[in-house]
C-alpha atoms as a PDB file:
ATOM      1  CA  MET A   1      24.026   3.071   2.835  1.00  0.00           C
ATOM      2  CA  ASP A   2      21.738   3.692  -0.114  1.00  0.00           C
ATOM      3  CA  LEU A   3      20.338   6.790  -1.799  1.00  0.00           C
ATOM      4  CA  ILE A   4      16.545   6.486  -1.608  1.00  0.00           C
ATOM      5  CA  GLU A   5      14.272   8.782  -3.626  1.00  0.00           C
ATOM      6  CA  ILE A   6      11.421   9.818  -1.304  1.00  0.00           C
ATOM      7  CA  SER A   7       9.406  12.184  -3.511  1.00  0.00           C
ATOM      8  CA  PRO A   8      10.238  12.040  -7.210  1.00  0.00           C
ATOM      9  CA  THR A   9       7.508  14.494  -8.247  1.00  0.00           C
ATOM     10  CA  ALA A  10       8.727  17.326  -5.990  1.00  0.00           C
ATOM     11  CA  ASN A  11      10.803  20.118  -7.491  1.00  0.00           C
ATOM     12  CA  PRO A  12      13.702  19.396  -6.768  1.00  0.00           C
ATOM     13  CA  PRO A  13      13.244  15.664  -6.044  1.00  0.00           C
ATOM     14  CA  VAL A  14      13.673  14.655  -2.396  1.00  0.00           C
ATOM     15  CA  ALA A  15      16.135  11.867  -1.529  1.00  0.00           C
ATOM     16  CA  LYS A  16      17.587  10.378   1.672  1.00  0.00           C
ATOM     17  CA  ILE A  17      20.762   8.512   2.421  1.00  0.00           C
ATOM     18  CA  MET A  18      19.884   5.550   4.636  1.00  0.00           C
ATOM     19  CA  GLU A  19      19.769   1.781   4.702  1.00  0.00           C
ATOM     20  CA  ARG A  20      17.278   0.275   2.285  1.00  0.00           C
ATOM     21  CA  GLY A  21      15.948  -2.312   4.757  1.00  0.00           C
ATOM     22  CA  LYS A  22      15.383   0.308   7.447  1.00  0.00           C
ATOM     23  CA  TYR A  23      13.423   2.475   4.984  1.00  0.00           C
ATOM     24  CA  PHE A  24      11.120  -0.414   4.021  1.00  0.00           C
ATOM     25  CA  TYR A  25      10.659  -1.313   7.700  1.00  0.00           C
ATOM     26  CA  GLU A  26       9.548   2.247   8.513  1.00  0.00           C
ATOM     27  CA  GLN A  27       7.135   2.300   5.570  1.00  0.00           C
ATOM     28  CA  GLU A  28       5.557  -0.970   6.705  1.00  0.00           C
ATOM     29  CA  LYS A  29       5.293   0.346  10.278  1.00  0.00           C
ATOM     30  CA  LYS A  30       3.460   3.487   9.062  1.00  0.00           C
ATOM     31  CA  ARG A  31       1.091   1.369   6.965  1.00  0.00           C
ATOM     32  CA  ARG A  32       0.232  -0.864   9.940  1.00  0.00           C
ATOM     33  CA  GLN A  33      -0.423   2.134  12.203  1.00  0.00           C
ATOM     34  CA  ALA A  34      -2.799   3.588   9.606  1.00  0.00           C
ATOM     35  CA  ALA A  35      -4.598   0.244   9.307  1.00  0.00           C
ATOM     36  CA  LYS A  36      -5.111   0.084  13.098  1.00  0.00           C
ATOM     37  CA  LYS A  37      -6.837   3.471  13.159  1.00  0.00           C
ATOM     38  CA  GLN A  38      -9.130   2.632  10.259  1.00  0.00           C
ATOM     39  CA  LYS A  39     -12.618   1.447  11.274  1.00  0.00           C
ATOM     40  CA  ASP A  40     -14.411  -1.160   9.182  1.00  0.00           C
ATOM     41  CA  VAL A  41     -18.119  -0.511   8.666  1.00  0.00           C
ATOM     42  CA  GLU A  42     -20.218  -3.629   8.326  1.00  0.00           C
ATOM     43  CA  ILE A  43     -23.666  -3.890   6.805  1.00  0.00           C
ATOM     44  CA  LYS A  44     -25.904  -5.699   9.263  1.00  0.00           C
ATOM     45  CA  SER A  45     -29.265  -7.080   8.199  1.00  0.00           C
ATOM     46  CA  VAL A  46     -32.684  -6.981   9.859  1.00  0.00           C
ATOM     47  CA  ARG A  47     -35.460  -8.980   8.190  1.00  0.00           C
ATOM     48  CA  ILE A  48     -39.153  -8.305   8.776  1.00  0.00           C
ATOM     49  CA  GLY A  49     -42.363  -9.490   7.139  1.00  0.00           C
ATOM     50  CA  ILE A  50     -45.825  -8.061   6.593  1.00  0.00           C
ATOM     51  CA  GLY A  51     -47.327  -9.980   9.516  1.00  0.00           C
ATOM     52  CA  THR A  52     -44.474  -9.401  11.962  1.00  0.00           C
ATOM     53  CA  SER A  53     -45.992  -8.566  15.355  1.00  0.00           C
ATOM     54  CA  VAL A  54     -45.271  -5.348  17.243  1.00  0.00           C
ATOM     55  CA  HIS A  55     -43.292  -7.203  19.921  1.00  0.00           C
ATOM     56  CA  ASP A  56     -41.040  -8.815  17.304  1.00  0.00           C
ATOM     57  CA  LEU A  57     -40.548  -5.429  15.647  1.00  0.00           C
ATOM     58  CA  GLU A  58     -39.475  -3.986  19.009  1.00  0.00           C
ATOM     59  CA  ILE A  59     -36.904  -6.769  19.468  1.00  0.00           C
ATOM     60  CA  ARG A  60     -35.483  -6.168  16.000  1.00  0.00           C
ATOM     61  CA  ALA A  61     -35.478  -2.417  16.636  1.00  0.00           C
ATOM     62  CA  LYS A  62     -33.344  -3.007  19.757  1.00  0.00           C
ATOM     63  CA  GLN A  63     -30.905  -4.986  17.605  1.00  0.00           C
ATOM     64  CA  ALA A  64     -30.866  -2.149  15.087  1.00  0.00           C
ATOM     65  CA  ASP A  65     -30.161   0.364  17.878  1.00  0.00           C
ATOM     66  CA  GLU A  66     -27.139  -1.664  18.988  1.00  0.00           C
ATOM     67  CA  PHE A  67     -25.854  -1.905  15.422  1.00  0.00           C
ATOM     68  CA  LEU A  68     -26.230   1.865  14.967  1.00  0.00           C
ATOM     69  CA  LYS A  69     -24.390   2.531  18.252  1.00  0.00           C
ATOM     70  CA  GLU A  70     -21.481   0.466  16.945  1.00  0.00           C
ATOM     71  CA  GLY A  71     -21.468   2.612  13.790  1.00  0.00           C
ATOM     72  CA  ASN A  72     -22.627  -0.093  11.368  1.00  0.00           C
ATOM     73  CA  LYS A  73     -25.017   0.301   8.461  1.00  0.00           C
ATOM     74  CA  ILE A  74     -28.265  -1.650   8.567  1.00  0.00           C
ATOM     75  CA  LYS A  75     -30.141  -3.201   5.675  1.00  0.00           C
ATOM     76  CA  VAL A  76     -33.844  -3.522   6.526  1.00  0.00           C
ATOM     77  CA  ASP A  77     -35.476  -6.212   4.384  1.00  0.00           C
ATOM     78  CA  LEU A  78     -39.249  -6.512   4.089  1.00  0.00           C
ATOM     79  CA  PHE A  79     -39.518 -10.141   3.017  1.00  0.00           C
ATOM     80  CA  LEU A  80     -42.498 -10.843   0.737  1.00  0.00           C
ATOM     81  CA  ARG A  81     -43.893 -14.233  -0.239  1.00  0.00           C
ATOM     82  CA  GLY A  82     -46.115 -15.134  -3.193  1.00  0.00           C
ATOM     83  CA  ARG A  83     -48.984 -12.713  -3.681  1.00  0.00           C
ATOM     84  CA  GLU A  84     -47.607 -10.311  -1.085  1.00  0.00           C
ATOM     85  CA  LYS A  85     -45.221  -9.009  -3.772  1.00  0.00           C
ATOM     86  CA  TYR A  86     -48.149  -7.469  -5.669  1.00  0.00           C
ATOM     87  CA  LEU A  87     -49.737  -5.563  -2.785  1.00  0.00           C
ATOM     88  CA  ASP A  88     -50.061  -1.778  -2.853  1.00  0.00           C
ATOM     89  CA  LYS A  89     -46.624  -0.127  -2.712  1.00  0.00           C
ATOM     90  CA  LYS A  90     -47.850   2.495  -0.219  1.00  0.00           C
ATOM     91  CA  PHE A  91     -49.038  -0.276   2.125  1.00  0.00           C
ATOM     92  CA  LEU A  92     -45.648  -2.020   1.954  1.00  0.00           C
ATOM     93  CA  GLN A  93     -43.746   1.224   2.583  1.00  0.00           C
ATOM     94  CA  ASP A  94     -45.937   1.886   5.621  1.00  0.00           C
ATOM     95  CA  ARG A  95     -44.827  -1.477   7.043  1.00  0.00           C
ATOM     96  CA  ILE A  96     -41.187  -0.418   6.777  1.00  0.00           C
ATOM     97  CA  GLU A  97     -41.977   3.021   8.245  1.00  0.00           C
ATOM     98  CA  ARG A  98     -43.713   1.299  11.186  1.00  0.00           C
ATOM     99  CA  PHE A  99     -40.425  -0.466  11.955  1.00  0.00           C
ATOM    100  CA  LEU A 100     -38.341   2.712  11.523  1.00  0.00           C
ATOM    101  CA  ALA A 101     -40.606   4.592  13.961  1.00  0.00           C
ATOM    102  CA  ILE A 102     -39.605   2.144  16.720  1.00  0.00           C
ATOM    103  CA  VAL A 103     -35.832   2.591  16.177  1.00  0.00           C
ATOM    104  CA  SER A 104     -34.673   5.095  18.822  1.00  0.00           C
ATOM    105  CA  GLN A 105     -31.149   5.896  17.539  1.00  0.00           C
ATOM    106  CA  GLY A 106     -30.728   8.716  15.047  1.00  0.00           C
ATOM    107  CA  PHE A 107     -30.252   7.525  11.487  1.00  0.00           C
ATOM    108  CA  GLU A 108     -30.298   8.606   7.890  1.00  0.00           C
ATOM    109  CA  LYS A 109     -32.212   6.489   5.418  1.00  0.00           C
ATOM    110  CA  GLU A 110     -31.738   5.875   1.728  1.00  0.00           C
ATOM    111  CA  ASP A 111     -34.420   5.162  -0.869  1.00  0.00           C
ATOM    112  CA  ILE A 112     -36.498   1.999  -0.672  1.00  0.00           C
ATOM    113  CA  LYS A 113     -35.471  -0.476  -3.372  1.00  0.00           C
ATOM    114  CA  LYS A 114     -37.566  -3.294  -4.792  1.00  0.00           C
ATOM    115  CA  GLY A 115     -35.825  -6.626  -5.197  1.00  0.00           C
ATOM    116  CA  PRO A 116     -36.869 -10.160  -6.128  1.00  0.00           C
ATOM    117  CA  ARG A 117     -37.532 -11.109  -2.483  1.00  0.00           C
ATOM    118  CA  GLY A 118     -39.265  -7.891  -1.413  1.00  0.00           C
ATOM    119  CA  LEU A 119     -38.340  -4.338  -0.445  1.00  0.00           C
ATOM    120  CA  SER A 120     -35.073  -3.251   1.149  1.00  0.00           C
ATOM    121  CA  LEU A 121     -33.828  -0.067   2.717  1.00  0.00           C
ATOM    122  CA  THR A 122     -30.382   0.901   4.022  1.00  0.00           C
ATOM    123  CA  ILE A 123     -30.010   3.134   7.071  1.00  0.00           C
ATOM    124  CA  THR A 124     -26.786   4.654   8.376  1.00  0.00           C
ATOM    125  CA  PRO A 125     -25.995   6.183  11.776  1.00  0.00           C
ATOM    126  CA  LYS A 126     -26.277   9.955  12.039  1.00  0.00           C
ATOM    127  CA  LYS A 127     -22.955  11.751  12.312  1.00  0.00           C
END
């Protein structure tokens, strides 16, 4: 049997008399149980363009709905080529808003960010 210090910062410190191997086994068991209950949130991606048709937007919106149901975040990328990068910012934001209007699940959106390949926006499921 060993004397194992459980909480050294407590006043007075807490200690147990037990086998060292059994103590480490119980700690590992608690850690694994906590890891099972933890849910990983993935960031899924949906890519659209300026000329993406309404039907294609609807298909991608269905995908986005499924991702939101699963509890994942979604990164919506408006892919821009060549001269499209210099179009009016309001026009480009309207293209993203047109896609978001089709998504039926509740979501919260973050700010639209400009990147080297176009605009991107992250949406998360509503809690």
